[in-house]
Structure formats: structure tokens, C-alpha cells
PDB file of all heavy atoms in Angstrom:
ATOM      1  N   GLU A   1       0.883  -1.162   0.072  1.00  0.00           N
ATOM      2  CA  GLU A   1      -0.010  -0.016  -0.013  1.00  0.00           C
ATOM      3  C   GLU A   1       0.811   1.248   0.020  1.00  0.00           C
ATOM      4  O   GLU A   1       0.354   2.357  -0.477  1.00  0.00           O
ATOM      5  CB  GLU A   1      -0.922   0.052   1.245  1.00  0.00           C
ATOM      6  CG  GLU A   1      -2.002  -1.052   1.151  1.00  0.00           C
ATOM      7  CD  GLU A   1      -2.960  -0.959   2.334  1.00  0.00           C
ATOM      8  OE1 GLU A   1      -2.748   0.036   3.181  1.00  0.00           O
ATOM      9  OE2 GLU A   1      -3.960  -1.762   2.467  1.00  0.00           O
ATOM     10  N   ARG A   2       1.973   1.129   0.514  1.00  0.00           N
ATOM     11  CA  ARG A   2       2.936   2.411   0.635  1.00  0.00           C
ATOM     12  C   ARG A   2       3.344   2.703  -0.682  1.00  0.00           C
ATOM     13  O   ARG A   2       3.421   3.978  -1.032  1.00  0.00           O
ATOM     14  CB  ARG A   2       4.109   2.122   1.517  1.00  0.00           C
ATOM     15  CG  ARG A   2       3.850   2.037   3.005  1.00  0.00           C
ATOM     16  CD  ARG A   2       4.971   1.638   3.851  1.00  0.00           C
ATOM     17  NE  ARG A   2       5.404   0.296   3.457  1.00  0.00           N
ATOM     18  CZ  ARG A   2       6.448  -0.242   4.071  1.00  0.00           C
ATOM     19  NH1 ARG A   2       7.152   0.328   5.026  1.00  0.00           N
ATOM     20  NH2 ARG A   2       6.806  -1.537   3.864  1.00  0.00           N
ATOM     21  N   ILE A   3       3.524   1.758  -1.589  1.00  0.00           N
ATOM     22  CA  ILE A   3       3.926   2.057  -3.018  1.00  0.00           C
ATOM     23  C   ILE A   3       2.792   2.817  -3.691  1.00  0.00           C
ATOM     24  O   ILE A   3       2.951   3.738  -4.475  1.00  0.00           O
ATOM     25  CB  ILE A   3       4.440   0.876  -3.706  1.00  0.00           C
ATOM     26  CG1 ILE A   3       5.701   0.311  -3.005  1.00  0.00           C
ATOM     27  CG2 ILE A   3       4.735   1.185  -5.127  1.00  0.00           C
ATOM     28  CD1 ILE A   3       6.123  -0.962  -3.742  1.00  0.00           C
ATOM     29  N   GLY A   4       1.631   2.258  -3.444  1.00  0.00           N
ATOM     30  CA  GLY A   4       0.430   2.842  -3.948  1.00  0.00           C
ATOM     31  C   GLY A   4       0.237   4.260  -3.506  1.00  0.00           C
ATOM     32  O   GLY A   4      -0.163   5.203  -4.357  1.00  0.00           O
ATOM     33  N   HIS A   5       0.428   4.488  -2.191  1.00  0.00           N
ATOM     34  CA  HIS A   5       0.319   5.896  -1.760  1.00  0.00           C
ATOM     35  C   HIS A   5       1.397   6.809  -2.308  1.00  0.00           C
ATOM     36  O   HIS A   5       1.088   8.003  -2.695  1.00  0.00           O
ATOM     37  CB  HIS A   5       0.431   5.988  -0.223  1.00  0.00           C
ATOM     38  CG  HIS A   5      -0.575   5.256   0.511  1.00  0.00           C
ATOM     39  ND1 HIS A   5      -1.917   5.446   0.173  1.00  0.00           N
ATOM     40  CD2 HIS A   5      -0.679   4.409   1.565  1.00  0.00           C
ATOM     41  CE1 HIS A   5      -2.750   4.856   0.935  1.00  0.00           C
ATOM     42  NE2 HIS A   5      -1.972   4.214   1.810  1.00  0.00           N
ATOM     43  N   ILE A   6       2.643   6.325  -2.512  1.00  0.00           N
ATOM     44  CA  ILE A   6       3.595   7.121  -3.143  1.00  0.00           C
ATOM     45  C   ILE A   6       3.210   7.496  -4.676  1.00  0.00           C
ATOM     46  O   ILE A   6       3.385   8.679  -5.048  1.00  0.00           O
ATOM     47  CB  ILE A   6       4.922   6.393  -3.210  1.00  0.00           C
ATOM     48  CG1 ILE A   6       5.506   6.147  -1.770  1.00  0.00           C
ATOM     49  CG2 ILE A   6       6.008   7.147  -4.032  1.00  0.00           C
ATOM     50  CD1 ILE A   6       6.729   5.400  -1.710  1.00  0.00           C
ATOM     51  N   LEU A   7       2.626   6.607  -5.345  1.00  0.00           N
ATOM     52  CA  LEU A   7       2.247   6.915  -6.722  1.00  0.00           C
ATOM     53  C   LEU A   7       1.116   7.963  -6.621  1.00  0.00           C
ATOM     54  O   LEU A   7       1.021   8.848  -7.488  1.00  0.00           O
ATOM     55  CB  LEU A   7       1.740   5.594  -7.468  1.00  0.00           C
ATOM     56  CG  LEU A   7       2.833   4.562  -7.724  1.00  0.00           C
ATOM     57  CD1 LEU A   7       2.222   3.350  -8.258  1.00  0.00           C
ATOM     58  CD2 LEU A   7       3.905   5.183  -8.560  1.00  0.00           C
ATOM     59  N   VAL A   8       0.156   7.708  -5.705  1.00  0.00           N
ATOM     60  CA  VAL A   8      -0.913   8.756  -5.694  1.00  0.00           C
ATOM     61  C   VAL A   8      -0.448  10.140  -5.350  1.00  0.00           C
ATOM     62  O   VAL A   8      -0.815  11.163  -5.939  1.00  0.00           O
ATOM     63  CB  VAL A   8      -1.982   8.277  -4.684  1.00  0.00           C
ATOM     64  CG1 VAL A   8      -2.962   9.332  -4.409  1.00  0.00           C
ATOM     65  CG2 VAL A   8      -2.685   6.966  -5.165  1.00  0.00           C
ATOM     66  N   TYR A   9       0.493  10.205  -4.408  1.00  0.00           N
ATOM     67  CA  TYR A   9       1.024  11.485  -3.945  1.00  0.00           C
ATOM     68  C   TYR A   9       1.896  12.136  -5.050  1.00  0.00           C
ATOM     69  O   TYR A   9       1.780  13.396  -5.297  1.00  0.00           O
ATOM     70  CB  TYR A   9       1.866  11.371  -2.787  1.00  0.00           C
ATOM     71  CG  TYR A   9       1.079  10.952  -1.502  1.00  0.00           C
ATOM     72  CD1 TYR A   9       1.656  10.281  -0.412  1.00  0.00           C
ATOM     73  CD2 TYR A   9      -0.289  11.388  -1.222  1.00  0.00           C
ATOM     74  CE1 TYR A   9       0.857   9.934   0.667  1.00  0.00           C
ATOM     75  CE2 TYR A   9      -0.950  11.158  -0.209  1.00  0.00           C
ATOM     76  CZ  TYR A   9      -0.383  10.370   0.725  1.00  0.00           C
ATOM     77  OH  TYR A   9      -1.165   9.979   1.931  1.00  0.00           O
ATOM     78  N   ALA A  10       2.558  11.409  -5.753  1.00  0.00           N
ATOM     79  CA  ALA A  10       3.300  11.806  -6.928  1.00  0.00           C
ATOM     80  C   ALA A  10       2.357  12.348  -7.972  1.00  0.00           C
ATOM     81  O   ALA A  10       2.742  13.420  -8.521  1.00  0.00           O
ATOM     82  CB  ALA A  10       4.312  10.670  -7.479  1.00  0.00           C
ATOM     83  N   SER A  11       1.387  11.714  -8.311  1.00  0.00           N
ATOM     84  CA  SER A  11       0.416  12.221  -9.285  1.00  0.00           C
ATOM     85  C   SER A  11      -0.187  13.554  -8.791  1.00  0.00           C
ATOM     86  O   SER A  11      -0.321  14.535  -9.514  1.00  0.00           O
ATOM     87  CB  SER A  11      -0.633  11.158  -9.481  1.00  0.00           C
ATOM     88  OG  SER A  11      -0.097   9.971  -9.990  1.00  0.00           O
ATOM     89  N   MET A  12      -0.489  13.582  -7.614  1.00  0.00           N
ATOM     90  CA  MET A  12      -1.212  14.847  -7.032  1.00  0.00           C
ATOM     91  C   MET A  12      -0.139  16.024  -7.020  1.00  0.00           C
ATOM     92  O   MET A  12      -0.512  17.076  -7.397  1.00  0.00           O
ATOM     93  CB  MET A  12      -1.635  14.631  -5.576  1.00  0.00           C
ATOM     94  CG  MET A  12      -2.911  13.692  -5.467  1.00  0.00           C
ATOM     95  SD  MET A  12      -3.358  13.363  -3.848  1.00  0.00           S
ATOM     96  CE  MET A  12      -3.690  15.036  -3.197  1.00  0.00           C
ATOM     97  N   PHE A  13       1.120  15.813  -6.727  1.00  0.00           N
ATOM     98  CA  PHE A  13       2.143  16.759  -6.751  1.00  0.00           C
ATOM     99  C   PHE A  13       2.228  17.311  -8.281  1.00  0.00           C
ATOM    100  O   PHE A  13       2.439  18.548  -8.256  1.00  0.00           O
ATOM    101  CB  PHE A  13       3.464  16.126  -6.260  1.00  0.00           C
ATOM    102  CG  PHE A  13       4.550  17.051  -6.341  1.00  0.00           C
ATOM    103  CD1 PHE A  13       4.795  18.136  -5.542  1.00  0.00           C
ATOM    104  CD2 PHE A  13       5.434  16.940  -7.491  1.00  0.00           C
ATOM    105  CE1 PHE A  13       5.808  19.084  -5.671  1.00  0.00           C
ATOM    106  CE2 PHE A  13       6.576  17.820  -7.605  1.00  0.00           C
ATOM    107  CZ  PHE A  13       6.729  18.855  -6.705  1.00  0.00           C
ATOM    108  N   ILE A  14       2.302  16.419  -9.211  1.00  0.00           N
ATOM    109  CA  ILE A  14       2.421  16.924 -10.546  1.00  0.00           C
ATOM    110  C   ILE A  14       1.280  17.719 -10.940  1.00  0.00           C
ATOM    111  O   ILE A  14       1.396  18.717 -11.542  1.00  0.00           O
ATOM    112  CB  ILE A  14       2.565  15.613 -11.546  1.00  0.00           C
ATOM    113  CG1 ILE A  14       3.949  14.930 -11.239  1.00  0.00           C
ATOM    114  CG2 ILE A  14       2.568  16.096 -12.917  1.00  0.00           C
ATOM    115  CD1 ILE A  14       4.103  13.702 -11.887  1.00  0.00           C
ATOM    116  N   VAL A  15       0.076  17.261 -10.702  1.00  0.00           N
ATOM    117  CA  VAL A  15      -1.212  18.136 -10.902  1.00  0.00           C
ATOM    118  C   VAL A  15      -1.091  19.431 -10.364  1.00  0.00           C
ATOM    119  O   VAL A  15      -1.532  20.425 -11.012  1.00  0.00           O
ATOM    120  CB  VAL A  15      -2.425  17.296 -10.556  1.00  0.00           C
ATOM    121  CG1 VAL A  15      -3.679  18.106 -10.684  1.00  0.00           C
ATOM    122  CG2 VAL A  15      -2.561  16.063 -11.395  1.00  0.00           C
ATOM    123  N   PHE A  16      -0.719  19.556  -9.117  1.00  0.00           N
ATOM    124  CA  PHE A  16      -0.642  20.847  -8.514  1.00  0.00           C
ATOM    125  C   PHE A  16       0.535  21.696  -8.803  1.00  0.00           C
ATOM    126  O   PHE A  16       0.531  22.899  -8.821  1.00  0.00           O
ATOM    127  CB  PHE A  16      -0.743  20.757  -7.003  1.00  0.00           C
ATOM    128  CG  PHE A  16      -2.037  20.296  -6.331  1.00  0.00           C
ATOM    129  CD1 PHE A  16      -2.259  19.014  -5.939  1.00  0.00           C
ATOM    130  CD2 PHE A  16      -3.148  21.337  -6.362  1.00  0.00           C
ATOM    131  CE1 PHE A  16      -3.566  18.741  -5.359  1.00  0.00           C
ATOM    132  CE2 PHE A  16      -4.306  20.946  -5.797  1.00  0.00           C
ATOM    133  CZ  PHE A  16      -4.584  19.640  -5.425  1.00  0.00           C
ATOM    134  N   PHE A  17       1.613  21.003  -9.278  1.00  0.00           N
ATOM    135  CA  PHE A  17       2.791  21.668  -9.612  1.00  0.00           C
ATOM    136  C   PHE A  17       2.770  22.440 -10.927  1.00  0.00           C
ATOM    137  O   PHE A  17       3.369  23.367 -11.171  1.00  0.00           O
ATOM    138  CB  PHE A  17       4.007  20.776  -9.633  1.00  0.00           C
ATOM    139  CG  PHE A  17       5.241  21.272 -10.075  1.00  0.00           C
ATOM    140  CD1 PHE A  17       6.025  22.113  -9.230  1.00  0.00           C
ATOM    141  CD2 PHE A  17       5.739  21.101 -11.349  1.00  0.00           C
ATOM    142  CE1 PHE A  17       7.276  22.612  -9.602  1.00  0.00           C
ATOM    143  CE2 PHE A  17       6.959  21.619 -11.818  1.00  0.00           C
ATOM    144  CZ  PHE A  17       7.746  22.459 -10.952  1.00  0.00           C
ATOM    145  N   ILE A  18       1.970  21.799 -11.855  1.00  0.00           N
ATOM    146  CA  ILE A  18       1.902  22.327 -13.250  1.00  0.00           C
ATOM    147  C   ILE A  18       1.336  23.814 -13.250  1.00  0.00           C
ATOM    148  O   ILE A  18       2.030  24.682 -13.843  1.00  0.00           O
ATOM    149  CB  ILE A  18       0.951  21.408 -14.122  1.00  0.00           C
ATOM    150  CG1 ILE A  18       1.731  20.113 -14.373  1.00  0.00           C
ATOM    151  CG2 ILE A  18       0.675  22.175 -15.408  1.00  0.00           C
ATOM    152  CD1 ILE A  18       0.829  19.185 -15.240  1.00  0.00           C
ATOM    153  N   PRO A  19       0.178  24.087 -12.641  1.00  0.00           N
ATOM    154  CA  PRO A  19      -0.278  25.556 -12.634  1.00  0.00           C
ATOM    155  C   PRO A  19       0.693  26.410 -11.990  1.00  0.00           C
ATOM    156  O   PRO A  19       0.866  27.651 -12.367  1.00  0.00           O
ATOM    157  CB  PRO A  19      -1.699  25.422 -11.942  1.00  0.00           C
ATOM    158  CG  PRO A  19      -1.707  24.258 -11.206  1.00  0.00           C
ATOM    159  CD  PRO A  19      -0.789  23.258 -11.938  1.00  0.00           C
ATOM    160  N   ILE A  20       1.304  26.041 -10.844  1.00  0.00           N
ATOM    161  CA  ILE A  20       2.273  26.939 -10.113  1.00  0.00           C
ATOM    162  C   ILE A  20       3.417  27.110 -11.010  1.00  0.00           C
ATOM    163  O   ILE A  20       3.968  28.270 -10.999  1.00  0.00           O
ATOM    164  CB  ILE A  20       2.708  26.207  -8.732  1.00  0.00           C
ATOM    165  CG1 ILE A  20       1.535  26.068  -7.864  1.00  0.00           C
ATOM    166  CG2 ILE A  20       3.817  26.888  -8.157  1.00  0.00           C
ATOM    167  CD1 ILE A  20       1.874  25.282  -6.523  1.00  0.00           C
ATOM    168  N   PHE A  21       3.935  26.103 -11.652  1.00  0.00           N
ATOM    169  CA  PHE A  21       5.096  26.325 -12.541  1.00  0.00           C
ATOM    170  C   PHE A  21       4.785  27.221 -13.675  1.00  0.00           C
ATOM    171  O   PHE A  21       5.498  28.175 -14.059  1.00  0.00           O
ATOM    172  CB  PHE A  21       5.437  24.973 -13.176  1.00  0.00           C
ATOM    173  CG  PHE A  21       6.559  24.920 -14.288  1.00  0.00           C
ATOM    174  CD1 PHE A  21       7.845  25.266 -13.859  1.00  0.00           C
ATOM    175  CD2 PHE A  21       6.242  24.926 -15.601  1.00  0.00           C
ATOM    176  CE1 PHE A  21       8.856  25.310 -14.986  1.00  0.00           C
ATOM    177  CE2 PHE A  21       7.149  25.042 -16.600  1.00  0.00           C
ATOM    178  CZ  PHE A  21       8.495  25.236 -16.341  1.00  0.00           C
ATOM    179  N   CYS A  22       3.587  27.083 -14.202  1.00  0.00           N
ATOM    180  CA  CYS A  22       3.147  27.992 -15.404  1.00  0.00           C
ATOM    181  C   CYS A  22       2.993  29.406 -14.763  1.00  0.00           C
ATOM    182  O   CYS A  22       3.411  30.336 -15.626  1.00  0.00           O
ATOM    183  CB  CYS A  22       1.865  27.511 -15.933  1.00  0.00           C
ATOM    184  SG  CYS A  22       1.916  25.880 -16.749  1.00  0.00           S
ATOM    185  N   ILE A  23       2.444  29.695 -13.760  1.00  0.00           N
ATOM    186  CA  ILE A  23       2.252  31.016 -13.188  1.00  0.00           C
ATOM    187  C   ILE A  23       3.674  31.709 -12.941  1.00  0.00           C
ATOM    188  O   ILE A  23       3.887  32.805 -13.296  1.00  0.00           O
ATOM    189  CB  ILE A  23       1.572  31.004 -11.909  1.00  0.00           C
ATOM    190  CG1 ILE A  23      -0.107  30.789 -12.234  1.00  0.00           C
ATOM    191  CG2 ILE A  23       1.570  32.444 -11.107  1.00  0.00           C
ATOM    192  CD1 ILE A  23      -0.891  30.546 -10.977  1.00  0.00           C
ATOM    193  N   VAL A  24       4.627  30.980 -12.258  1.00  0.00           N
ATOM    194  CA  VAL A  24       5.876  31.496 -12.037  1.00  0.00           C
ATOM    195  C   VAL A  24       6.657  31.748 -13.301  1.00  0.00           C
ATOM    196  O   VAL A  24       7.337  32.776 -13.453  1.00  0.00           O
ATOM    197  CB  VAL A  24       6.661  30.578 -11.100  1.00  0.00           C
ATOM    198  CG1 VAL A  24       8.079  30.975 -10.933  1.00  0.00           C
ATOM    199  CG2 VAL A  24       6.094  30.392  -9.749  1.00  0.00           C
ATOM    200  N   SER A  25       6.594  30.842 -14.195  1.00  0.00           N
ATOM    201  CA  SER A  25       7.198  30.993 -15.544  1.00  0.00           C
ATOM    202  C   SER A  25       6.702  32.216 -16.225  1.00  0.00           C
ATOM    203  O   SER A  25       7.493  33.047 -16.857  1.00  0.00           O
ATOM    204  CB  SER A  25       7.071  29.799 -16.389  1.00  0.00           C
ATOM    205  OG  SER A  25       7.648  28.679 -15.706  1.00  0.00           O
ATOM    206  N   ALA A  26       5.291  32.394 -16.161  1.00  0.00           N
ATOM    207  CA  ALA A  26       4.712  33.609 -16.914  1.00  0.00           C
ATOM    208  C   ALA A  26       5.151  34.874 -16.291  1.00  0.00           C
ATOM    209  O   ALA A  26       5.382  35.874 -17.075  1.00  0.00           O
ATOM    210  CB  ALA A  26       3.081  33.430 -16.746  1.00  0.00           C
TER     211      ALA A  26
END
């Protein structure tokens, strides 16, 4: 289950990171 949690957290991080990255880059 820990590996599954890691994958879920990694996916959530990428989803939230994209708009932050785009705003800072803009």
C-alpha cells in the first residue's frame, strides 16, 4: 500500500505543480 500511496502523492504533486510552474514562468 505504501507504494500505491507514493504513486498517488506523486500524481497529485504533478497536478498541483503544473499551474504553479506556469504562473511562476509567466
